[in-house]
Amino acid sequence: MTVNDIPVISNKEQLRGVISELGFLPFFSSGIEGFSLRDHIDPAVWFVEGVDGPWEWKTDVSVYGKLFRGKAVFMTPEWYAVLACYRRDGYDFEGMYEDGFLPHSALYIMNELEKGSLISSELRTRTGMDGKGSGFDALITTLQMKCFALPTSFEYAIDRHGRPYGWGLARYSSADRFYGKEIAAAEEKYSPNEAKELLITRVTELCPGVTVKQAERLVK
């Protein structure tokens, strides 16, 4: 399957099947024509009030997180492990932190996530980053991009009729808690550079006409 073969996606099962076939798919526009869910979603389920759509399906269909250029991406566990192999560059969290490649406050977040998953509001409070200008959003995005943290579900407020509403609060977890075995297997099999080349090659396979430079810019 290439992006030219993706059908109009109308339900969760279709989306799960497409991601399984492709390996990964950006949620919103990726800068590569046709390579996003936005390009193939049925308008009837795209942010329509009262209708469950991809925003509600996010973590039910695959690995999900801000993984390409700080933007949301769906991935299979196997391809997520390849991405982690590339992005971690041979480091575990402690090593990357100690060598100065992660901000100091990232340690506070990961220390909490190592204890268990937390709703974003709880995580902000426990790390002392619940005020304006705390930098929490940038830090949690960085940890997703480095494949150390992930939103593993989204939890919603309930109205008086028992119906969920709002955008939902992300529940974050250590990525290794869910995908540690897959990541370890990928790191044993590939070097970080080999993992990067696999990702670039896959983008060029999925997107006819895309250049290696465009693919590299996307997955960098």
N, C-alpha and C. Protein backbone atom coordinates (compact mmCIF):
# COMPACT_ATOMS: atom_id res chain seq x y z
N MET A 1 0.84 -1.20 0.00
CA MET A 1 0.00 0.00 0.00
C MET A 1 0.88 1.25 0.00
N THR A 2 0.50 2.24 -0.81
CA THR A 2 1.10 3.56 -0.78
C THR A 2 0.01 4.56 -0.39
N VAL A 3 0.38 5.81 -0.25
CA VAL A 3 -0.63 6.82 0.10
C VAL A 3 -1.71 6.92 -0.97
N ASN A 4 -1.38 6.53 -2.20
CA ASN A 4 -2.37 6.57 -3.28
C ASN A 4 -3.43 5.50 -3.16
N ASP A 5 -3.18 4.50 -2.32
CA ASP A 5 -4.11 3.38 -2.18
C ASP A 5 -4.96 3.47 -0.91
N ILE A 6 -4.71 4.48 -0.08
CA ILE A 6 -5.45 4.59 1.18
C ILE A 6 -6.92 4.91 0.87
N PRO A 7 -7.84 4.12 1.42
CA PRO A 7 -9.26 4.40 1.18
C PRO A 7 -9.74 5.56 2.06
N VAL A 8 -10.96 6.01 1.81
CA VAL A 8 -11.58 6.97 2.70
C VAL A 8 -11.84 6.25 4.03
N ILE A 9 -11.34 6.84 5.12
CA ILE A 9 -11.41 6.19 6.42
C ILE A 9 -12.60 6.75 7.20
N SER A 10 -13.50 5.83 7.55
CA SER A 10 -14.73 6.25 8.21
C SER A 10 -14.90 5.72 9.62
N ASN A 11 -14.06 4.75 10.02
CA ASN A 11 -14.24 4.18 11.35
C ASN A 11 -12.90 3.71 11.92
N LYS A 12 -12.94 3.35 13.18
CA LYS A 12 -11.75 2.97 13.92
C LYS A 12 -11.07 1.74 13.32
N GLU A 13 -11.86 0.76 12.90
CA GLU A 13 -11.29 -0.47 12.36
C GLU A 13 -10.55 -0.21 11.05
N GLN A 14 -11.09 0.65 10.21
CA GLN A 14 -10.40 1.01 8.97
C GLN A 14 -9.07 1.69 9.27
N LEU A 15 -9.09 2.61 10.22
CA LEU A 15 -7.86 3.33 10.57
C LEU A 15 -6.82 2.36 11.11
N ARG A 16 -7.23 1.46 11.98
CA ARG A 16 -6.30 0.48 12.54
C ARG A 16 -5.67 -0.37 11.42
N GLY A 17 -6.48 -0.77 10.45
CA GLY A 17 -5.98 -1.56 9.33
C GLY A 17 -5.00 -0.80 8.46
N VAL A 18 -5.29 0.47 8.21
CA VAL A 18 -4.39 1.30 7.39
C VAL A 18 -3.05 1.49 8.08
N ILE A 19 -3.08 1.77 9.37
CA ILE A 19 -1.83 1.96 10.10
C ILE A 19 -1.02 0.67 10.12
N SER A 20 -1.70 -0.45 10.31
CA SER A 20 -1.02 -1.74 10.29
C SER A 20 -0.34 -1.99 8.95
N GLU A 21 -0.99 -1.58 7.88
CA GLU A 21 -0.45 -1.78 6.53
C GLU A 21 0.71 -0.83 6.25
N LEU A 22 0.56 0.43 6.63
CA LEU A 22 1.58 1.44 6.32
C LEU A 22 2.76 1.39 7.29
N GLY A 23 2.47 1.16 8.56
CA GLY A 23 3.49 1.20 9.60
C GLY A 23 3.42 2.47 10.42
N PHE A 24 3.16 3.59 9.78
CA PHE A 24 2.97 4.86 10.49
C PHE A 24 2.27 5.85 9.58
N LEU A 25 1.56 6.80 10.22
CA LEU A 25 0.79 7.79 9.47
C LEU A 25 0.60 9.04 10.33
N PRO A 26 1.07 10.20 9.86
CA PRO A 26 0.81 11.44 10.59
C PRO A 26 -0.69 11.74 10.69
N PHE A 27 -1.07 12.37 11.78
CA PHE A 27 -2.48 12.72 12.00
C PHE A 27 -2.87 13.89 11.08
N PHE A 28 -2.18 15.00 11.23
CA PHE A 28 -2.47 16.20 10.44
C PHE A 28 -1.47 16.30 9.27
N SER A 29 -1.60 17.34 8.48
CA SER A 29 -0.74 17.51 7.30
C SER A 29 0.73 17.34 7.66
N SER A 30 1.43 16.54 6.86
CA SER A 30 2.84 16.23 7.13
C SER A 30 3.80 17.03 6.27
N GLY A 31 3.27 17.78 5.31
CA GLY A 31 4.12 18.47 4.35
C GLY A 31 4.40 17.62 3.13
N ILE A 32 3.95 16.35 3.17
CA ILE A 32 4.06 15.45 2.02
C ILE A 32 2.64 15.13 1.56
N GLU A 33 2.34 15.43 0.32
CA GLU A 33 0.98 15.29 -0.18
C GLU A 33 0.44 13.87 0.02
N GLY A 34 -0.71 13.77 0.63
CA GLY A 34 -1.38 12.49 0.82
C GLY A 34 -0.93 11.70 2.03
N PHE A 35 0.12 12.16 2.71
CA PHE A 35 0.67 11.36 3.80
C PHE A 35 0.21 11.89 5.15
N SER A 36 -1.08 11.76 5.39
CA SER A 36 -1.65 12.09 6.70
C SER A 36 -3.07 11.53 6.75
N LEU A 37 -3.53 11.31 7.96
CA LEU A 37 -4.92 10.91 8.12
C LEU A 37 -5.85 11.99 7.59
N ARG A 38 -5.47 13.23 7.81
CA ARG A 38 -6.30 14.36 7.36
C ARG A 38 -6.62 14.27 5.88
N ASP A 39 -5.70 13.73 5.10
CA ASP A 39 -5.89 13.64 3.65
C ASP A 39 -6.89 12.56 3.24
N HIS A 40 -7.21 11.65 4.16
CA HIS A 40 -8.02 10.48 3.78
C HIS A 40 -9.23 10.23 4.66
N ILE A 41 -9.48 11.10 5.61
CA ILE A 41 -10.58 10.87 6.55
C ILE A 41 -11.92 11.26 5.94
N ASP A 42 -12.95 10.54 6.28
CA ASP A 42 -14.31 10.87 5.89
C ASP A 42 -14.71 12.16 6.62
N PRO A 43 -15.11 13.21 5.89
CA PRO A 43 -15.49 14.47 6.55
C PRO A 43 -16.58 14.29 7.59
N ALA A 44 -17.36 13.23 7.45
CA ALA A 44 -18.48 13.00 8.37
C ALA A 44 -18.02 12.66 9.78
N VAL A 45 -16.72 12.27 9.94
CA VAL A 45 -16.20 11.93 11.27
C VAL A 45 -15.02 12.80 11.68
N TRP A 46 -14.77 13.86 10.92
CA TRP A 46 -13.62 14.72 11.20
C TRP A 46 -14.05 15.89 12.07
N PHE A 47 -13.89 15.76 13.40
CA PHE A 47 -14.23 16.80 14.35
C PHE A 47 -15.66 17.31 14.18
N VAL A 48 -16.59 16.35 14.14
CA VAL A 48 -18.02 16.68 14.06
C VAL A 48 -18.63 16.52 15.44
N GLU A 49 -19.31 17.53 15.91
CA GLU A 49 -19.86 17.49 17.26
C GLU A 49 -20.83 16.32 17.42
N GLY A 50 -20.63 15.57 18.50
CA GLY A 50 -21.51 14.44 18.80
C GLY A 50 -21.17 13.16 18.05
N VAL A 51 -20.11 13.20 17.23
CA VAL A 51 -19.72 12.03 16.45
C VAL A 51 -18.32 11.60 16.85
N ASP A 52 -18.16 10.31 17.22
CA ASP A 52 -16.82 9.80 17.50
C ASP A 52 -16.00 9.79 16.23
N GLY A 53 -14.78 10.30 16.32
CA GLY A 53 -13.90 10.35 15.16
C GLY A 53 -12.48 10.04 15.57
N PRO A 54 -11.52 10.34 14.72
CA PRO A 54 -10.13 9.97 14.99
C PRO A 54 -9.57 10.58 16.27
N TRP A 55 -10.08 11.74 16.69
CA TRP A 55 -9.58 12.30 17.94
C TRP A 55 -9.93 11.39 19.11
N GLU A 56 -11.10 10.77 19.06
CA GLU A 56 -11.52 9.85 20.12
C GLU A 56 -10.87 8.47 19.96
N TRP A 57 -10.45 8.12 18.74
CA TRP A 57 -9.88 6.80 18.49
C TRP A 57 -8.39 6.73 18.78
N LYS A 58 -7.75 7.85 19.00
CA LYS A 58 -6.29 7.98 18.96
C LYS A 58 -5.52 6.80 19.52
N THR A 59 -5.63 6.60 20.81
CA THR A 59 -4.80 5.58 21.44
C THR A 59 -5.41 4.19 21.38
N ASP A 60 -6.59 4.07 20.75
CA ASP A 60 -7.22 2.76 20.61
C ASP A 60 -6.72 2.00 19.39
N VAL A 61 -6.11 2.70 18.44
CA VAL A 61 -5.79 2.06 17.17
C VAL A 61 -4.31 1.74 16.99
N SER A 62 -3.43 2.38 17.77
CA SER A 62 -1.99 2.17 17.56
C SER A 62 -1.22 2.94 18.63
N VAL A 63 0.09 2.90 18.53
CA VAL A 63 0.92 3.84 19.29
C VAL A 63 0.62 5.24 18.76
N TYR A 64 0.52 6.20 19.64
CA TYR A 64 0.17 7.55 19.23
C TYR A 64 1.00 8.54 20.05
N GLY A 65 1.48 9.58 19.41
CA GLY A 65 2.21 10.60 20.13
C GLY A 65 2.75 11.65 19.19
N LYS A 66 3.38 12.66 19.75
CA LYS A 66 4.03 13.70 18.96
C LYS A 66 5.41 13.19 18.57
N LEU A 67 5.49 12.60 17.41
CA LEU A 67 6.67 11.82 17.04
C LEU A 67 7.43 12.32 15.82
N PHE A 68 6.79 13.09 14.95
CA PHE A 68 7.47 13.66 13.79
C PHE A 68 7.36 15.18 13.87
N ARG A 69 8.50 15.85 14.03
CA ARG A 69 8.54 17.31 14.05
C ARG A 69 7.59 17.89 15.10
N GLY A 70 7.44 17.19 16.20
CA GLY A 70 6.61 17.65 17.31
C GLY A 70 5.12 17.55 17.04
N LYS A 71 4.74 16.77 16.01
CA LYS A 71 3.33 16.64 15.66
C LYS A 71 2.87 15.19 15.80
N ALA A 72 1.56 15.03 15.90
CA ALA A 72 0.96 13.73 16.20
C ALA A 72 1.12 12.73 15.05
N VAL A 73 1.43 11.50 15.42
CA VAL A 73 1.64 10.41 14.47
C VAL A 73 1.08 9.12 15.06
N PHE A 74 0.47 8.30 14.21
CA PHE A 74 0.10 6.94 14.58
C PHE A 74 1.22 6.01 14.12
N MET A 75 1.56 4.99 14.93
CA MET A 75 2.61 4.04 14.56
C MET A 75 2.27 2.66 15.08
N THR A 76 2.73 1.64 14.37
CA THR A 76 2.67 0.30 14.92
C THR A 76 3.78 0.17 15.97
N PRO A 77 3.64 -0.76 16.92
CA PRO A 77 4.71 -0.95 17.91
C PRO A 77 6.06 -1.26 17.28
N GLU A 78 6.06 -2.02 16.18
CA GLU A 78 7.31 -2.39 15.52
C GLU A 78 8.03 -1.18 14.95
N TRP A 79 7.29 -0.30 14.30
CA TRP A 79 7.94 0.89 13.74
C TRP A 79 8.26 1.91 14.83
N TYR A 80 7.46 1.95 15.88
CA TYR A 80 7.80 2.82 17.00
C TYR A 80 9.13 2.40 17.62
N ALA A 81 9.37 1.11 17.71
CA ALA A 81 10.63 0.61 18.26
C ALA A 81 11.81 1.04 17.38
N VAL A 82 11.61 1.02 16.06
CA VAL A 82 12.66 1.48 15.14
C VAL A 82 12.91 2.97 15.36
N LEU A 83 11.83 3.74 15.51
CA LEU A 83 11.98 5.17 15.76
C LEU A 83 12.73 5.42 17.07
N ALA A 84 12.41 4.66 18.11
CA ALA A 84 13.09 4.81 19.38
C ALA A 84 14.57 4.49 19.26
N CYS A 85 14.90 3.46 18.50
CA CYS A 85 16.30 3.10 18.27
C CYS A 85 17.05 4.28 17.64
N TYR A 86 16.43 4.92 16.69
CA TYR A 86 17.05 6.08 16.03
C TYR A 86 17.13 7.28 16.97
N ARG A 87 16.01 7.64 17.58
CA ARG A 87 15.95 8.88 18.36
C ARG A 87 16.78 8.79 19.64
N ARG A 88 16.85 7.63 20.25
CA ARG A 88 17.61 7.50 21.50
C ARG A 88 19.11 7.45 21.24
N ASP A 89 19.49 7.11 20.02
CA ASP A 89 20.90 7.21 19.60
C ASP A 89 21.85 6.44 20.52
N GLY A 90 21.41 5.27 20.97
CA GLY A 90 22.26 4.44 21.81
C GLY A 90 22.19 4.74 23.29
N TYR A 91 21.41 5.74 23.67
CA TYR A 91 21.29 6.14 25.08
C TYR A 91 20.05 5.54 25.73
N ASP A 92 20.10 5.36 27.05
CA ASP A 92 18.88 5.27 27.83
C ASP A 92 18.60 6.67 28.36
N PHE A 93 17.50 6.84 29.11
CA PHE A 93 17.16 8.19 29.56
C PHE A 93 18.25 8.78 30.43
N GLU A 94 18.74 7.99 31.39
CA GLU A 94 19.74 8.51 32.33
C GLU A 94 20.99 8.99 31.61
N GLY A 95 21.45 8.20 30.64
CA GLY A 95 22.65 8.58 29.91
C GLY A 95 22.46 9.83 29.09
N MET A 96 21.31 9.94 28.42
CA MET A 96 21.04 11.12 27.62
C MET A 96 20.93 12.36 28.50
N TYR A 97 20.30 12.19 29.66
CA TYR A 97 20.16 13.31 30.59
C TYR A 97 21.52 13.73 31.15
N GLU A 98 22.31 12.76 31.59
CA GLU A 98 23.61 13.06 32.21
C GLU A 98 24.59 13.69 31.23
N ASP A 99 24.43 13.36 29.93
CA ASP A 99 25.31 13.95 28.92
C ASP A 99 24.80 15.29 28.40
N GLY A 100 23.73 15.77 29.00
CA GLY A 100 23.26 17.12 28.70
C GLY A 100 22.40 17.26 27.46
N PHE A 101 21.83 16.14 26.97
CA PHE A 101 20.99 16.21 25.78
C PHE A 101 19.51 16.36 26.08
N LEU A 102 19.17 16.45 27.37
CA LEU A 102 17.79 16.69 27.78
C LEU A 102 17.77 17.78 28.84
N PRO A 103 16.72 18.59 28.87
CA PRO A 103 16.63 19.65 29.88
C PRO A 103 16.55 19.08 31.29
N HIS A 104 16.99 19.88 32.25
CA HIS A 104 17.01 19.42 33.64
C HIS A 104 15.63 18.97 34.12
N SER A 105 14.58 19.73 33.78
CA SER A 105 13.24 19.42 34.28
C SER A 105 12.68 18.12 33.71
N ALA A 106 13.26 17.62 32.63
CA ALA A 106 12.81 16.35 32.08
C ALA A 106 12.98 15.22 33.10
N LEU A 107 13.96 15.36 33.95
CA LEU A 107 14.20 14.35 34.99
C LEU A 107 13.01 14.26 35.94
N TYR A 108 12.41 15.40 36.30
CA TYR A 108 11.27 15.39 37.20
C TYR A 108 10.10 14.61 36.59
N ILE A 109 9.88 14.84 35.29
CA ILE A 109 8.77 14.15 34.61
C ILE A 109 9.02 12.65 34.56
N MET A 110 10.21 12.25 34.15
CA MET A 110 10.48 10.82 34.01
C MET A 110 10.51 10.12 35.36
N ASN A 111 10.97 10.80 36.40
CA ASN A 111 10.95 10.20 37.74
C ASN A 111 9.53 9.84 38.15
N GLU A 112 8.57 10.71 37.82
CA GLU A 112 7.17 10.43 38.14
C GLU A 112 6.60 9.33 37.26
N LEU A 113 6.93 9.35 35.98
CA LEU A 113 6.37 8.34 35.07
C LEU A 113 6.94 6.95 35.32
N GLU A 114 8.13 6.89 35.89
CA GLU A 114 8.69 5.58 36.24
C GLU A 114 7.88 4.93 37.37
N LYS A 115 7.17 5.73 38.14
CA LYS A 115 6.34 5.19 39.22
C LYS A 115 5.01 4.67 38.70
N GLY A 116 4.56 5.17 37.56
CA GLY A 116 3.28 4.77 36.99
C GLY A 116 2.73 5.86 36.11
N SER A 117 1.65 5.55 35.38
CA SER A 117 1.07 6.52 34.47
C SER A 117 0.33 7.61 35.23
N LEU A 118 0.26 8.80 34.63
CA LEU A 118 -0.38 9.94 35.28
C LEU A 118 -1.12 10.80 34.26
N ILE A 119 -2.30 11.28 34.65
CA ILE A 119 -3.00 12.28 33.86
C ILE A 119 -2.13 13.54 33.81
N SER A 120 -2.19 14.24 32.70
CA SER A 120 -1.32 15.40 32.50
C SER A 120 -1.43 16.41 33.63
N SER A 121 -2.65 16.65 34.14
CA SER A 121 -2.81 17.62 35.22
C SER A 121 -2.11 17.15 36.49
N GLU A 122 -2.17 15.85 36.78
CA GLU A 122 -1.48 15.29 37.94
C GLU A 122 0.03 15.38 37.76
N LEU A 123 0.47 15.09 36.56
CA LEU A 123 1.91 15.13 36.28
C LEU A 123 2.44 16.55 36.43
N ARG A 124 1.68 17.53 35.95
CA ARG A 124 2.08 18.93 36.12
C ARG A 124 2.22 19.29 37.61
N THR A 125 1.22 18.87 38.39
CA THR A 125 1.23 19.21 39.82
C THR A 125 2.40 18.55 40.54
N ARG A 126 2.61 17.28 40.28
CA ARG A 126 3.66 16.54 40.99
C ARG A 126 5.07 17.04 40.65
N THR A 127 5.21 17.58 39.44
CA THR A 127 6.54 18.07 39.04
C THR A 127 6.70 19.57 39.29
N GLY A 128 5.66 20.21 39.83
CA GLY A 128 5.73 21.64 40.08
C GLY A 128 5.66 22.46 38.81
N MET A 129 5.10 21.88 37.74
CA MET A 129 5.02 22.60 36.46
C MET A 129 3.58 22.85 36.06
N ASP A 130 2.77 23.26 37.03
CA ASP A 130 1.35 23.49 36.75
C ASP A 130 1.02 24.96 36.53
N GLY A 131 2.01 25.80 36.57
CA GLY A 131 1.77 27.22 36.34
C GLY A 131 2.08 27.63 34.91
N LYS A 132 1.64 28.82 34.54
CA LYS A 132 1.94 29.35 33.21
C LYS A 132 3.44 29.56 33.06
N GLY A 133 3.94 29.26 31.89
CA GLY A 133 5.36 29.45 31.63
C GLY A 133 6.24 28.38 32.23
N SER A 134 5.64 27.28 32.67
CA SER A 134 6.43 26.21 33.29
C SER A 134 7.27 25.43 32.30
N GLY A 135 6.87 25.48 31.03
CA GLY A 135 7.58 24.73 30.00
C GLY A 135 7.18 23.28 29.90
N PHE A 136 6.11 22.90 30.60
CA PHE A 136 5.70 21.49 30.62
C PHE A 136 5.39 20.97 29.22
N ASP A 137 4.63 21.72 28.44
CA ASP A 137 4.22 21.23 27.11
C ASP A 137 5.42 20.96 26.23
N ALA A 138 6.40 21.86 26.25
CA ALA A 138 7.60 21.65 25.44
C ALA A 138 8.39 20.44 25.92
N LEU A 139 8.46 20.25 27.24
CA LEU A 139 9.20 19.12 27.79
C LEU A 139 8.55 17.79 27.46
N ILE A 140 7.23 17.71 27.60
CA ILE A 140 6.57 16.43 27.32
C ILE A 140 6.63 16.11 25.83
N THR A 141 6.64 17.14 24.99
CA THR A 141 6.82 16.91 23.56
C THR A 141 8.23 16.39 23.27
N THR A 142 9.22 16.98 23.91
CA THR A 142 10.60 16.51 23.74
C THR A 142 10.74 15.06 24.16
N LEU A 143 10.13 14.68 25.26
CA LEU A 143 10.22 13.30 25.74
C LEU A 143 9.49 12.33 24.83
N GLN A 144 8.43 12.81 24.16
CA GLN A 144 7.77 11.97 23.15
C GLN A 144 8.65 11.82 21.92
N MET A 145 9.26 12.92 21.49
CA MET A 145 10.12 12.87 20.32
C MET A 145 11.34 11.97 20.55
N LYS A 146 11.83 11.92 21.78
CA LYS A 146 12.96 11.06 22.12
C LYS A 146 12.52 9.64 22.45
N CYS A 147 11.20 9.41 22.40
CA CYS A 147 10.62 8.08 22.63
C CYS A 147 10.85 7.57 24.05
N PHE A 148 10.77 8.47 25.02
CA PHE A 148 10.84 8.08 26.42
C PHE A 148 9.47 8.14 27.11
N ALA A 149 8.55 8.94 26.57
CA ALA A 149 7.22 9.08 27.16
C ALA A 149 6.17 9.06 26.06
N LEU A 150 4.96 8.63 26.44
CA LEU A 150 3.85 8.54 25.49
C LEU A 150 2.52 8.81 26.19
N PRO A 151 1.56 9.41 25.46
CA PRO A 151 0.18 9.39 25.96
C PRO A 151 -0.40 8.01 25.65
N THR A 152 -0.87 7.32 26.67
CA THR A 152 -1.38 5.95 26.45
C THR A 152 -2.89 5.88 26.50
N SER A 153 -3.54 6.96 26.92
CA SER A 153 -5.00 7.06 26.84
C SER A 153 -5.38 8.53 27.01
N PHE A 154 -6.64 8.82 26.73
CA PHE A 154 -7.17 10.16 26.95
C PHE A 154 -8.45 10.00 27.77
N GLU A 155 -8.57 10.76 28.84
CA GLU A 155 -9.69 10.62 29.74
C GLU A 155 -10.53 11.89 29.74
N TYR A 156 -11.84 11.70 29.74
CA TYR A 156 -12.76 12.81 29.52
C TYR A 156 -13.62 13.10 30.74
N ALA A 157 -13.99 14.36 30.86
CA ALA A 157 -14.98 14.73 31.85
C ALA A 157 -16.34 14.17 31.42
N ILE A 158 -17.22 13.91 32.37
CA ILE A 158 -18.53 13.33 32.08
C ILE A 158 -19.62 14.33 32.44
N ASP A 159 -20.57 14.55 31.53
CA ASP A 159 -21.65 15.48 31.81
C ASP A 159 -22.75 14.80 32.65
N ARG A 160 -23.79 15.52 32.98
CA ARG A 160 -24.82 15.00 33.89
C ARG A 160 -25.64 13.88 33.26
N HIS A 161 -25.49 13.71 31.94
CA HIS A 161 -26.18 12.61 31.26
C HIS A 161 -25.28 11.38 31.09
N GLY A 162 -24.08 11.47 31.68
CA GLY A 162 -23.16 10.34 31.60
C GLY A 162 -22.36 10.28 30.31
N ARG A 163 -22.33 11.39 29.56
CA ARG A 163 -21.63 11.42 28.28
C ARG A 163 -20.31 12.17 28.42
N PRO A 164 -19.24 11.64 27.80
CA PRO A 164 -17.95 12.34 27.85
C PRO A 164 -17.99 13.61 27.02
N TYR A 165 -17.21 14.61 27.43
CA TYR A 165 -17.15 15.84 26.65
C TYR A 165 -15.77 16.47 26.80
N GLY A 166 -15.49 17.43 25.93
CA GLY A 166 -14.20 18.12 25.96
C GLY A 166 -13.15 17.39 25.14
N TRP A 167 -11.91 17.90 25.20
CA TRP A 167 -10.81 17.35 24.41
C TRP A 167 -10.16 16.13 25.06
N GLY A 168 -10.38 15.97 26.33
CA GLY A 168 -9.76 14.84 27.01
C GLY A 168 -8.37 15.19 27.52
N LEU A 169 -8.03 14.64 28.68
CA LEU A 169 -6.71 14.83 29.26
C LEU A 169 -5.85 13.61 28.98
N ALA A 170 -4.65 13.85 28.50
CA ALA A 170 -3.74 12.74 28.19
C ALA A 170 -3.26 12.08 29.47
N ARG A 171 -3.21 10.76 29.44
CA ARG A 171 -2.56 10.00 30.50
C ARG A 171 -1.21 9.56 29.95
N TYR A 172 -0.13 10.03 30.57
CA TYR A 172 1.21 9.75 30.09
C TYR A 172 1.84 8.58 30.84
N SER A 173 2.71 7.89 30.12
CA SER A 173 3.43 6.77 30.71
C SER A 173 4.83 6.73 30.14
N SER A 174 5.72 6.06 30.84
CA SER A 174 7.03 5.73 30.28
C SER A 174 6.83 4.83 29.07
N ALA A 175 7.48 5.14 27.97
CA ALA A 175 7.34 4.32 26.76
C ALA A 175 7.81 2.89 27.00
N ASP A 176 8.83 2.72 27.83
CA ASP A 176 9.37 1.39 28.07
C ASP A 176 8.40 0.50 28.84
N ARG A 177 7.50 1.12 29.59
CA ARG A 177 6.51 0.34 30.32
C ARG A 177 5.61 -0.44 29.36
N PHE A 178 5.35 0.14 28.20
CA PHE A 178 4.47 -0.48 27.21
C PHE A 178 5.23 -1.18 26.09
N TYR A 179 6.35 -0.61 25.67
CA TYR A 179 7.03 -1.10 24.47
C TYR A 179 8.51 -1.39 24.70
N GLY A 180 8.89 -1.62 25.93
CA GLY A 180 10.29 -1.86 26.25
C GLY A 180 10.89 -3.05 25.53
N LYS A 181 10.13 -4.15 25.42
CA LYS A 181 10.66 -5.34 24.76
C LYS A 181 10.90 -5.08 23.28
N GLU A 182 9.96 -4.40 22.63
CA GLU A 182 10.12 -4.09 21.21
C GLU A 182 11.30 -3.15 20.98
N ILE A 183 11.45 -2.16 21.86
CA ILE A 183 12.55 -1.21 21.71
C ILE A 183 13.89 -1.91 21.91
N ALA A 184 13.98 -2.75 22.92
CA ALA A 184 15.23 -3.48 23.17
C ALA A 184 15.59 -4.37 22.00
N ALA A 185 14.59 -5.01 21.39
CA ALA A 185 14.84 -5.87 20.24
C ALA A 185 15.34 -5.07 19.05
N ALA A 186 14.75 -3.89 18.83
CA ALA A 186 15.19 -3.04 17.71
C ALA A 186 16.60 -2.53 17.94
N GLU A 187 16.92 -2.16 19.18
CA GLU A 187 18.26 -1.66 19.48
C GLU A 187 19.31 -2.75 19.35
N GLU A 188 18.93 -3.98 19.59
CA GLU A 188 19.85 -5.09 19.40
C GLU A 188 20.07 -5.39 17.92
N LYS A 189 19.05 -5.14 17.12
CA LYS A 189 19.10 -5.49 15.70
C LYS A 189 19.71 -4.39 14.83
N TYR A 190 19.46 -3.12 15.19
CA TYR A 190 19.87 -2.00 14.33
C TYR A 190 20.73 -1.00 15.09
N SER A 191 21.62 -0.35 14.37
CA SER A 191 22.29 0.83 14.89
C SER A 191 21.34 2.01 14.73
N PRO A 192 21.55 3.11 15.46
CA PRO A 192 20.69 4.29 15.27
C PRO A 192 20.65 4.76 13.82
N ASN A 193 21.79 4.74 13.13
CA ASN A 193 21.81 5.19 11.74
C ASN A 193 21.04 4.23 10.83
N GLU A 194 21.13 2.93 11.10
CA GLU A 194 20.36 1.96 10.31
C GLU A 194 18.87 2.16 10.53
N ALA A 195 18.49 2.44 11.77
CA ALA A 195 17.08 2.69 12.07
C ALA A 195 16.58 3.94 11.33
N LYS A 196 17.39 4.98 11.31
CA LYS A 196 17.03 6.20 10.58
C LYS A 196 16.83 5.90 9.10
N GLU A 197 17.73 5.13 8.51
CA GLU A 197 17.63 4.80 7.08
C GLU A 197 16.39 3.96 6.80
N LEU A 198 16.02 3.08 7.72
CA LEU A 198 14.79 2.30 7.56
C LEU A 198 13.57 3.21 7.50
N LEU A 199 13.53 4.20 8.38
CA LEU A 199 12.41 5.14 8.40
C LEU A 199 12.35 5.96 7.12
N ILE A 200 13.49 6.46 6.69
CA ILE A 200 13.53 7.26 5.46
C ILE A 200 13.09 6.43 4.26
N THR A 201 13.61 5.22 4.18
CA THR A 201 13.24 4.34 3.07
C THR A 201 11.75 4.05 3.08
N ARG A 202 11.20 3.82 4.27
CA ARG A 202 9.77 3.52 4.36
C ARG A 202 8.94 4.69 3.87
N VAL A 203 9.31 5.91 4.22
CA VAL A 203 8.57 7.08 3.74
C VAL A 203 8.62 7.16 2.23
N THR A 204 9.78 6.92 1.64
CA THR A 204 9.89 6.99 0.17
C THR A 204 9.08 5.87 -0.49
N GLU A 205 8.95 4.72 0.17
CA GLU A 205 8.13 3.64 -0.37
C GLU A 205 6.64 3.99 -0.31
N LEU A 206 6.24 4.62 0.76
CA LEU A 206 4.83 4.94 0.96
C LEU A 206 4.37 6.12 0.13
N CYS A 207 5.29 7.01 -0.19
CA CYS A 207 4.93 8.28 -0.84
C CYS A 207 5.66 8.40 -2.18
N PRO A 208 5.09 7.87 -3.26
CA PRO A 208 5.74 7.95 -4.57
C PRO A 208 6.10 9.38 -4.95
N GLY A 209 7.33 9.56 -5.39
CA GLY A 209 7.77 10.89 -5.83
C GLY A 209 8.44 11.70 -4.74
N VAL A 210 8.35 11.28 -3.49
CA VAL A 210 8.98 12.05 -2.42
C VAL A 210 10.49 11.85 -2.49
N THR A 211 11.23 12.88 -2.18
CA THR A 211 12.69 12.78 -2.21
C THR A 211 13.22 12.29 -0.86
N VAL A 212 14.44 11.78 -0.89
CA VAL A 212 15.07 11.34 0.36
C VAL A 212 15.19 12.51 1.32
N LYS A 213 15.48 13.70 0.81
CA LYS A 213 15.61 14.88 1.65
C LYS A 213 14.29 15.21 2.34
N GLN A 214 13.19 15.11 1.61
CA GLN A 214 11.87 15.35 2.21
C GLN A 214 11.57 14.33 3.29
N ALA A 215 11.87 13.08 3.00
CA ALA A 215 11.63 12.00 3.97
C ALA A 215 12.47 12.20 5.22
N GLU A 216 13.73 12.56 5.04
CA GLU A 216 14.60 12.77 6.19
C GLU A 216 14.13 13.94 7.03
N ARG A 217 13.66 15.00 6.38
CA ARG A 217 13.15 16.16 7.11
C ARG A 217 11.95 15.78 7.98
N LEU A 218 11.12 14.87 7.47
CA LEU A 218 9.93 14.46 8.22
C LEU A 218 10.29 13.67 9.47
N VAL A 219 11.19 12.70 9.34
CA VAL A 219 11.46 11.78 10.45
C VAL A 219 12.56 12.28 11.39
N LYS A 220 13.23 13.35 11.04
CA LYS A 220 14.37 13.85 11.82
C LYS A 220 13.97 14.18 13.25
